[in-house]
Amino acid sequence: MNKTICITGAGSGIGRGTALHFHGKGWRVFALDKDEEALAELSELFSSERLSTHVCDVGEERVVGEAFDAMTEELGEAPLDVLVNNAAIADPYCGPLEDLSLDDWNAWLDASLTATFLCSRAAIPLLRRADGASIVNMSSTRALQSEANTFAYAASKGGVSALTHAMAISLGPAIRVNAVLPGWIETGPWQKAAEREEPEQREVDKAQHPAGRVGTVEDIAETIAWLVSPGAGFVTGQQIVVDGGMTRKMIYAD
């Protein structure tokens, strides 16, 4: 029987690449995103009965409930094997702290941290049907280090990392829970058509990474695929940093 995965923020970027990766492996994919246009493009790209799309703002409790109710109906008695909590506001920059409004602060937290809670809570009954279910939460290297004026984004991703190990302790052994912490990942080619960009990386950009290059969406999809595989069956509650070694490199001023 084909396995089933639900991916939030699946319309573009890492979410789109991950959906494509698992669909290519024969998985049934449930794709959630609040961008209806991006999901429509995704449907055209796959054109398959193994893809179901749901327009869903994953930071809204009622909307999440409706999406998972629809998913439950589609699955029937079948399980959900994997949930990937990927949705977030991509832009980390919010300006000076003294100018950051509470509404904007909440928007960053709702899109990532609250969404991870809401979707995980809704998915647990479906995941418990599976043998060897997994949740993968998308955190960030900004949960470990910061750039200026990224307060809300860093806080949301730090919260996702902490929520990950808390969930792993409580949901195991039936459900393993891990976090992926991407570094610099080039997502331009994986946006919807109206926002798609080709990478323009300088040699100095590549040189910041001990691996010698900027990361790709495929790097993250492959990491997720390993985390949810039987080969990672003894891995739970962990933060897997995928950044080409960038956070391990000491950088000095010229």
C-alpha atoms as a PDB file:
ATOM      1  CA  MET A   1       0.000   0.000   0.000  1.00  0.00           C
ATOM      2  CA  ASN A   2       1.269   3.478  -0.883  1.00  0.00           C
ATOM      3  CA  LYS A   3       2.185   5.659   2.055  1.00  0.00           C
ATOM      4  CA  THR A   4       0.624   9.059   2.660  1.00  0.00           C
ATOM      5  CA  ILE A   5       2.219  12.392   3.570  1.00  0.00           C
ATOM      6  CA  CYS A   6       0.711  15.779   4.440  1.00  0.00           C
ATOM      7  CA  ILE A   7       2.869  18.835   3.743  1.00  0.00           C
ATOM      8  CA  THR A   8       1.973  22.352   4.845  1.00  0.00           C
ATOM      9  CA  GLY A   9       3.216  25.318   2.850  1.00  0.00           C
ATOM     10  CA  ALA A  10       3.359  22.935  -0.113  1.00  0.00           C
ATOM     11  CA  GLY A  11       2.613  25.502  -2.797  1.00  0.00           C
ATOM     12  CA  SER A  12       6.154  26.814  -3.134  1.00  0.00           C
ATOM     13  CA  GLY A  13       9.741  26.557  -1.956  1.00  0.00           C
ATOM     14  CA  ILE A  14      10.791  23.666   0.246  1.00  0.00           C
ATOM     15  CA  GLY A  15       7.188  22.495   0.522  1.00  0.00           C
ATOM     16  CA  ARG A  16       6.745  22.222  -3.239  1.00  0.00           C
ATOM     17  CA  GLY A  17      10.063  20.424  -3.661  1.00  0.00           C
ATOM     18  CA  THR A  18       9.209  17.999  -0.876  1.00  0.00           C
ATOM     19  CA  ALA A  19       5.801  17.292  -2.403  1.00  0.00           C
ATOM     20  CA  LEU A  20       7.424  16.583  -5.758  1.00  0.00           C
ATOM     21  CA  HIS A  21      10.022  14.306  -4.129  1.00  0.00           C
ATOM     22  CA  PHE A  22       7.522  12.130  -2.292  1.00  0.00           C
ATOM     23  CA  HIS A  23       5.032  12.063  -5.156  1.00  0.00           C
ATOM     24  CA  GLY A  24       7.855  10.827  -7.360  1.00  0.00           C
ATOM     25  CA  LYS A  25       8.454   7.999  -4.899  1.00  0.00           C
ATOM     26  CA  GLY A  26       4.835   6.857  -5.237  1.00  0.00           C
ATOM     27  CA  TRP A  27       3.467   8.459  -2.063  1.00  0.00           C
ATOM     28  CA  ARG A  28       0.007   9.948  -1.793  1.00  0.00           C
ATOM     29  CA  VAL A  29       0.469  13.664  -1.074  1.00  0.00           C
ATOM     30  CA  PHE A  30      -1.872  16.022   0.739  1.00  0.00           C
ATOM     31  CA  ALA A  31      -0.707  19.566  -0.006  1.00  0.00           C
ATOM     32  CA  LEU A  32      -1.849  22.450   2.207  1.00  0.00           C
ATOM     33  CA  ASP A  33      -1.203  26.114   1.450  1.00  0.00           C
ATOM     34  CA  LYS A  34      -3.113  29.370   1.779  1.00  0.00           C
ATOM     35  CA  ASP A  35      -2.005  30.410  -1.728  1.00  0.00           C
ATOM     36  CA  GLU A  36      -4.713  29.064  -4.043  1.00  0.00           C
ATOM     37  CA  GLU A  37      -2.776  30.036  -7.169  1.00  0.00           C
ATOM     38  CA  ALA A  38       0.316  28.134  -6.046  1.00  0.00           C
ATOM     39  CA  LEU A  39      -1.758  25.038  -5.262  1.00  0.00           C
ATOM     40  CA  ALA A  40      -3.440  25.215  -8.675  1.00  0.00           C
ATOM     41  CA  GLU A  41      -0.017  25.202 -10.317  1.00  0.00           C
ATOM     42  CA  LEU A  42       0.976  22.265  -8.164  1.00  0.00           C
ATOM     43  CA  SER A  43      -2.115  20.344  -9.299  1.00  0.00           C
ATOM     44  CA  GLU A  44      -1.239  21.003 -12.927  1.00  0.00           C
ATOM     45  CA  LEU A  45       2.345  19.925 -12.311  1.00  0.00           C
ATOM     46  CA  PHE A  46       1.327  16.585 -10.810  1.00  0.00           C
ATOM     47  CA  SER A  47      -2.021  15.930 -12.515  1.00  0.00           C
ATOM     48  CA  SER A  48      -2.402  12.787 -10.420  1.00  0.00           C
ATOM     49  CA  GLU A  49      -5.008  11.124  -8.230  1.00  0.00           C
ATOM     50  CA  ARG A  50      -2.239  10.739  -5.659  1.00  0.00           C
ATOM     51  CA  LEU A  51      -2.256  14.505  -5.026  1.00  0.00           C
ATOM     52  CA  SER A  52      -4.931  16.285  -2.996  1.00  0.00           C
ATOM     53  CA  THR A  53      -4.709  20.041  -2.441  1.00  0.00           C
ATOM     54  CA  HIS A  54      -6.409  22.027   0.297  1.00  0.00           C
ATOM     55  CA  VAL A  55      -6.410  25.821   0.533  1.00  0.00           C
ATOM     56  CA  CYS A  56      -5.658  26.348   4.203  1.00  0.00           C
ATOM     57  CA  ASP A  57      -4.220  29.071   6.411  1.00  0.00           C
ATOM     58  CA  VAL A  58      -2.556  26.743   8.915  1.00  0.00           C
ATOM     59  CA  GLY A  59      -2.436  29.433  11.572  1.00  0.00           C
ATOM     60  CA  GLU A  60      -6.257  29.471  11.789  1.00  0.00           C
ATOM     61  CA  GLU A  61      -7.755  26.822  14.081  1.00  0.00           C
ATOM     62  CA  ARG A  62     -11.110  26.526  12.312  1.00  0.00           C
ATOM     63  CA  VAL A  63      -9.578  26.286   8.845  1.00  0.00           C
ATOM     64  CA  VAL A  64      -7.080  23.653   9.957  1.00  0.00           C
ATOM     65  CA  GLY A  65      -9.917  21.613  11.440  1.00  0.00           C
ATOM     66  CA  GLU A  66     -11.849  21.781   8.175  1.00  0.00           C
ATOM     67  CA  ALA A  67      -8.826  20.729   6.124  1.00  0.00           C
ATOM     68  CA  PHE A  68      -8.096  17.723   8.312  1.00  0.00           C
ATOM     69  CA  ASP A  69     -11.767  16.744   8.387  1.00  0.00           C
ATOM     70  CA  ALA A  70     -11.683  16.670   4.587  1.00  0.00           C
ATOM     71  CA  MET A  71      -8.444  14.699   4.670  1.00  0.00           C
ATOM     72  CA  THR A  72      -9.938  12.180   7.086  1.00  0.00           C
ATOM     73  CA  GLU A  73     -12.891  11.688   4.763  1.00  0.00           C
ATOM     74  CA  GLU A  74     -10.587  11.146   1.781  1.00  0.00           C
ATOM     75  CA  LEU A  75      -8.431   8.647   3.658  1.00  0.00           C
ATOM     76  CA  GLY A  76     -11.314   6.583   4.936  1.00  0.00           C
ATOM     77  CA  GLU A  77      -9.752   3.947   7.184  1.00  0.00           C
ATOM     78  CA  ALA A  78      -6.246   4.488   5.776  1.00  0.00           C
ATOM     79  CA  PRO A  79      -3.534   6.108   7.896  1.00  0.00           C
ATOM     80  CA  LEU A  80      -1.512   9.255   7.499  1.00  0.00           C
ATOM     81  CA  ASP A  81       2.120   8.173   7.679  1.00  0.00           C
ATOM     82  CA  VAL A  82       3.922  11.527   7.778  1.00  0.00           C
ATOM     83  CA  LEU A  83       3.148  15.150   8.596  1.00  0.00           C
ATOM     84  CA  VAL A  84       5.625  17.825   7.492  1.00  0.00           C
ATOM     85  CA  ASN A  85       4.979  21.140   9.247  1.00  0.00           C
ATOM     86  CA  ASN A  86       6.718  23.368   6.733  1.00  0.00           C
ATOM     87  CA  ALA A  87       4.533  26.488   6.486  1.00  0.00           C
ATOM     88  CA  ALA A  88       5.997  29.801   7.644  1.00  0.00           C
ATOM     89  CA  ILE A  89       6.468  33.413   6.628  1.00  0.00           C
ATOM     90  CA  ALA A  90       9.573  33.142   4.486  1.00  0.00           C
ATOM     91  CA  ASP A  91      10.922  36.657   5.025  1.00  0.00           C
ATOM     92  CA  PRO A  92      12.651  36.771   8.432  1.00  0.00           C
ATOM     93  CA  TYR A  93      13.196  40.535   8.601  1.00  0.00           C
ATOM     94  CA  CYS A  94      10.798  42.586  10.723  1.00  0.00           C
ATOM     95  CA  GLY A  95      12.708  45.827  11.317  1.00  0.00           C
ATOM     96  CA  PRO A  96      13.747  47.356  14.665  1.00  0.00           C
ATOM     97  CA  LEU A  97      12.263  45.764  17.766  1.00  0.00           C
ATOM     98  CA  GLU A  98      10.830  49.058  18.991  1.00  0.00           C
ATOM     99  CA  ASP A  99       8.794  49.326  15.766  1.00  0.00           C
ATOM    100  CA  LEU A 100       7.520  45.734  15.716  1.00  0.00           C
ATOM    101  CA  SER A 101       3.760  45.622  16.241  1.00  0.00           C
ATOM    102  CA  LEU A 102       2.083  42.878  18.215  1.00  0.00           C
ATOM    103  CA  ASP A 103       0.017  41.963  15.165  1.00  0.00           C
ATOM    104  CA  ASP A 104       3.147  41.434  13.069  1.00  0.00           C
ATOM    105  CA  TRP A 105       4.831  39.507  15.904  1.00  0.00           C
ATOM    106  CA  ASN A 106       1.785  37.232  16.130  1.00  0.00           C
ATOM    107  CA  ALA A 107       1.701  36.764  12.364  1.00  0.00           C
ATOM    108  CA  TRP A 108       5.194  35.224  12.364  1.00  0.00           C
ATOM    109  CA  LEU A 109       4.390  32.995  15.338  1.00  0.00           C
ATOM    110  CA  ASP A 110       1.014  31.927  13.979  1.00  0.00           C
ATOM    111  CA  ALA A 111       2.405  30.992  10.567  1.00  0.00           C
ATOM    112  CA  SER A 112       5.061  28.683  11.987  1.00  0.00           C
ATOM    113  CA  LEU A 113       4.827  27.821  15.692  1.00  0.00           C
ATOM    114  CA  THR A 114       1.041  27.948  16.193  1.00  0.00           C
ATOM    115  CA  ALA A 115       0.534  26.234  12.829  1.00  0.00           C
ATOM    116  CA  THR A 116       2.840  23.403  13.886  1.00  0.00           C
ATOM    117  CA  PHE A 117       0.777  22.914  17.035  1.00  0.00           C
ATOM    118  CA  LEU A 118      -2.586  23.082  15.262  1.00  0.00           C
ATOM    119  CA  CYS A 119      -1.685  20.756  12.407  1.00  0.00           C
ATOM    120  CA  SER A 120       0.067  18.249  14.656  1.00  0.00           C
ATOM    121  CA  ARG A 121      -2.903  18.137  17.014  1.00  0.00           C
ATOM    122  CA  ALA A 122      -5.281  17.579  14.110  1.00  0.00           C
ATOM    123  CA  ALA A 123      -3.066  14.930  12.494  1.00  0.00           C
ATOM    124  CA  ILE A 124      -2.390  12.764  15.563  1.00  0.00           C
ATOM    125  CA  PRO A 125      -5.502  10.538  15.238  1.00  0.00           C
ATOM    126  CA  LEU A 126      -4.602   9.793  11.604  1.00  0.00           C
ATOM    127  CA  LEU A 127      -0.919   9.252  12.405  1.00  0.00           C
ATOM    128  CA  ARG A 128      -1.769   6.807  15.187  1.00  0.00           C
ATOM    129  CA  ARG A 129      -3.313   4.519  12.562  1.00  0.00           C
ATOM    130  CA  ALA A 130       0.087   4.107  10.888  1.00  0.00           C
ATOM    131  CA  ASP A 131       2.941   1.761  11.685  1.00  0.00           C
ATOM    132  CA  GLY A 132       6.008   3.927  12.229  1.00  0.00           C
ATOM    133  CA  ALA A 133       4.470   7.384  11.800  1.00  0.00           C
ATOM    134  CA  SER A 134       6.591  10.539  11.801  1.00  0.00           C
ATOM    135  CA  ILE A 135       6.240  14.286  12.149  1.00  0.00           C
ATOM    136  CA  VAL A 136       8.926  16.533  10.707  1.00  0.00           C
ATOM    137  CA  ASN A 137       8.872  20.164  11.818  1.00  0.00           C
ATOM    138  CA  MET A 138      10.638  22.804   9.762  1.00  0.00           C
ATOM    139  CA  SER A 139      12.743  24.945  12.048  1.00  0.00           C
ATOM    140  CA  SER A 140      15.739  27.013  10.906  1.00  0.00           C
ATOM    141  CA  THR A 141      19.361  27.692  11.696  1.00  0.00           C
ATOM    142  CA  ARG A 142      17.996  31.000  12.996  1.00  0.00           C
ATOM    143  CA  ALA A 143      16.793  29.003  15.988  1.00  0.00           C
ATOM    144  CA  LEU A 144      20.512  28.710  16.805  1.00  0.00           C
ATOM    145  CA  GLN A 145      21.961  32.027  15.600  1.00  0.00           C
ATOM    146  CA  SER A 146      20.580  35.350  14.446  1.00  0.00           C
ATOM    147  CA  GLU A 147      20.892  38.236  12.050  1.00  0.00           C
ATOM    148  CA  ALA A 148      19.773  41.711  13.051  1.00  0.00           C
ATOM    149  CA  ASN A 149      16.045  42.497  13.114  1.00  0.00           C
ATOM    150  CA  THR A 150      14.735  38.932  12.861  1.00  0.00           C
ATOM    151  CA  PHE A 151      13.189  38.705  16.340  1.00  0.00           C
ATOM    152  CA  ALA A 152       9.806  37.183  15.530  1.00  0.00           C
ATOM    153  CA  TYR A 153      11.126  34.726  12.967  1.00  0.00           C
ATOM    154  CA  ALA A 154      13.903  33.548  15.297  1.00  0.00           C
ATOM    155  CA  ALA A 155      11.460  33.199  18.188  1.00  0.00           C
ATOM    156  CA  SER A 156       9.008  31.220  16.084  1.00  0.00           C
ATOM    157  CA  LYS A 157      11.694  28.818  14.878  1.00  0.00           C
ATOM    158  CA  GLY A 158      13.211  28.464  18.343  1.00  0.00           C
ATOM    159  CA  GLY A 159       9.729  27.582  19.547  1.00  0.00           C
ATOM    160  CA  VAL A 160       9.358  24.971  16.792  1.00  0.00           C
ATOM    161  CA  SER A 161      12.630  23.350  17.860  1.00  0.00           C
ATOM    162  CA  ALA A 162      11.530  23.209  21.503  1.00  0.00           C
ATOM    163  CA  LEU A 163       8.072  21.960  20.576  1.00  0.00           C
ATOM    164  CA  THR A 164       9.728  19.190  18.569  1.00  0.00           C
ATOM    165  CA  HIS A 165      11.478  17.549  21.502  1.00  0.00           C
ATOM    166  CA  ALA A 166       8.430  18.048  23.736  1.00  0.00           C
ATOM    167  CA  MET A 167       6.263  16.289  21.156  1.00  0.00           C
ATOM    168  CA  ALA A 168       8.787  13.492  20.697  1.00  0.00           C
ATOM    169  CA  ILE A 169       8.722  12.667  24.401  1.00  0.00           C
ATOM    170  CA  SER A 170       4.931  12.674  24.600  1.00  0.00           C
ATOM    171  CA  LEU A 171       4.014  11.036  21.283  1.00  0.00           C
ATOM    172  CA  GLY A 172       6.628   8.280  21.242  1.00  0.00           C
ATOM    173  CA  PRO A 173       7.001   5.467  20.588  1.00  0.00           C
ATOM    174  CA  ALA A 174       4.043   5.462  18.194  1.00  0.00           C
ATOM    175  CA  ILE A 175       5.044   8.725  16.473  1.00  0.00           C
ATOM    176  CA  ARG A 176       8.607   9.961  16.008  1.00  0.00           C
ATOM    177  CA  VAL A 177       9.068  13.744  15.864  1.00  0.00           C
ATOM    178  CA  ASN A 178      12.141  15.531  14.519  1.00  0.00           C
ATOM    179  CA  ALA A 179      13.050  18.990  13.238  1.00  0.00           C
ATOM    180  CA  VAL A 180      15.010  20.014  10.171  1.00  0.00           C
ATOM    181  CA  LEU A 181      16.968  23.267  10.459  1.00  0.00           C
ATOM    182  CA  PRO A 182      17.770  24.521   6.947  1.00  0.00           C
ATOM    183  CA  GLY A 183      20.442  27.117   6.391  1.00  0.00           C
ATOM    184  CA  TRP A 184      20.740  29.052   3.137  1.00  0.00           C
ATOM    185  CA  ILE A 185      18.491  27.131   0.740  1.00  0.00           C
ATOM    186  CA  GLU A 186      17.907  28.420  -2.795  1.00  0.00           C
ATOM    187  CA  THR A 187      14.135  28.329  -3.257  1.00  0.00           C
ATOM    188  CA  GLY A 188      13.793  30.738  -6.196  1.00  0.00           C
ATOM    189  CA  PRO A 189      13.190  28.052  -8.843  1.00  0.00           C
ATOM    190  CA  TRP A 190      10.520  26.437  -6.664  1.00  0.00           C
ATOM    191  CA  GLN A 191       8.168  29.434  -6.405  1.00  0.00           C
ATOM    192  CA  LYS A 192       4.918  29.801  -8.325  1.00  0.00           C
ATOM    193  CA  ALA A 193       5.384  31.134 -11.854  1.00  0.00           C
ATOM    194  CA  ALA A 194       4.637  34.763 -10.973  1.00  0.00           C
ATOM    195  CA  GLU A 195       7.423  34.816  -8.361  1.00  0.00           C
ATOM    196  CA  ARG A 196       9.944  32.351  -9.794  1.00  0.00           C
ATOM    197  CA  GLU A 197      13.585  33.402  -9.879  1.00  0.00           C
ATOM    198  CA  GLU A 198      16.753  31.781 -11.130  1.00  0.00           C
ATOM    199  CA  PRO A 199      19.623  31.629  -8.611  1.00  0.00           C
ATOM    200  CA  GLU A 200      22.363  34.248  -8.829  1.00  0.00           C
ATOM    201  CA  GLN A 201      24.980  33.075  -6.394  1.00  0.00           C
ATOM    202  CA  ARG A 202      28.390  34.681  -6.118  1.00  0.00           C
ATOM    203  CA  GLU A 203      31.559  32.778  -5.360  1.00  0.00           C
ATOM    204  CA  VAL A 204      31.663  34.499  -1.970  1.00  0.00           C
ATOM    205  CA  ASP A 205      28.198  33.087  -1.241  1.00  0.00           C
ATOM    206  CA  LYS A 206      29.414  29.583  -1.939  1.00  0.00           C
ATOM    207  CA  ALA A 207      32.620  30.159   0.007  1.00  0.00           C
ATOM    208  CA  GLN A 208      30.648  30.844   3.211  1.00  0.00           C
ATOM    209  CA  HIS A 209      29.752  27.154   3.218  1.00  0.00           C
ATOM    210  CA  PRO A 210      32.348  24.467   4.009  1.00  0.00           C
ATOM    211  CA  ALA A 211      30.388  22.248   1.603  1.00  0.00           C
ATOM    212  CA  GLY A 212      31.307  24.722  -1.167  1.00  0.00           C
ATOM    213  CA  ARG A 213      27.808  25.627  -2.313  1.00  0.00           C
ATOM    214  CA  VAL A 214      24.460  27.053  -1.316  1.00  0.00           C
ATOM    215  CA  GLY A 215      21.792  24.503  -0.354  1.00  0.00           C
ATOM    216  CA  THR A 216      19.035  23.232  -2.610  1.00  0.00           C
ATOM    217  CA  VAL A 217      15.432  22.291  -1.954  1.00  0.00           C
ATOM    218  CA  GLU A 218      16.380  18.726  -2.849  1.00  0.00           C
ATOM    219  CA  ASP A 219      18.840  18.702   0.077  1.00  0.00           C
ATOM    220  CA  ILE A 220      15.951  19.285   2.476  1.00  0.00           C
ATOM    221  CA  ALA A 221      13.582  16.848   0.761  1.00  0.00           C
ATOM    222  CA  GLU A 222      16.212  14.106   0.947  1.00  0.00           C
ATOM    223  CA  THR A 223      16.765  14.823   4.637  1.00  0.00           C
ATOM    224  CA  ILE A 224      13.047  14.568   5.326  1.00  0.00           C
ATOM    225  CA  ALA A 225      12.885  11.327   3.348  1.00  0.00           C
ATOM    226  CA  TRP A 226      15.628   9.835   5.525  1.00  0.00           C
ATOM    227  CA  LEU A 227      14.054  11.026   8.770  1.00  0.00           C
ATOM    228  CA  VAL A 228      10.736   9.341   7.986  1.00  0.00           C
ATOM    229  CA  SER A 229      12.334   6.117   6.749  1.00  0.00           C
ATOM    230  CA  PRO A 230      12.893   2.932   8.787  1.00  0.00           C
ATOM    231  CA  GLY A 231      16.605   3.737   8.632  1.00  0.00           C
ATOM    232  CA  ALA A 232      15.992   6.606  11.056  1.00  0.00           C
ATOM    233  CA  GLY A 233      13.782   4.532  13.335  1.00  0.00           C
ATOM    234  CA  PHE A 234      15.995   5.259  16.356  1.00  0.00           C
ATOM    235  CA  VAL A 235      16.006   9.022  15.718  1.00  0.00           C
ATOM    236  CA  THR A 236      13.461  11.184  17.514  1.00  0.00           C
ATOM    237  CA  GLY A 237      13.404  14.544  19.258  1.00  0.00           C
ATOM    238  CA  GLN A 238      16.396  15.704  17.223  1.00  0.00           C
ATOM    239  CA  GLN A 239      17.350  18.880  15.380  1.00  0.00           C
ATOM    240  CA  ILE A 240      18.989  18.027  12.058  1.00  0.00           C
ATOM    241  CA  VAL A 241      20.954  21.024  10.763  1.00  0.00           C
ATOM    242  CA  VAL A 242      21.222  21.103   6.960  1.00  0.00           C
ATOM    243  CA  ASP A 243      23.358  24.138   6.176  1.00  0.00           C
ATOM    244  CA  GLY A 244      26.509  22.995   4.387  1.00  0.00           C
ATOM    245  CA  GLY A 245      28.455  23.567   7.600  1.00  0.00           C
ATOM    246  CA  MET A 246      27.780  27.308   7.621  1.00  0.00           C
ATOM    247  CA  THR A 247      26.866  27.517  11.309  1.00  0.00           C
ATOM    248  CA  ARG A 248      30.121  25.751  12.195  1.00  0.00           C
ATOM    249  CA  LYS A 249      32.375  28.194  10.342  1.00  0.00           C
ATOM    250  CA  MET A 250      34.075  30.966  12.290  1.00  0.00           C
ATOM    251  CA  ILE A 251      33.965  34.252  10.366  1.00  0.00           C
ATOM    252  CA  TYR A 252      36.234  37.177  11.196  1.00  0.00           C
ATOM    253  CA  ALA A 253      35.950  40.803  10.104  1.00  0.00           C
ATOM    254  CA  ASP A 254      38.396  41.895   7.414  1.00  0.00           C
END
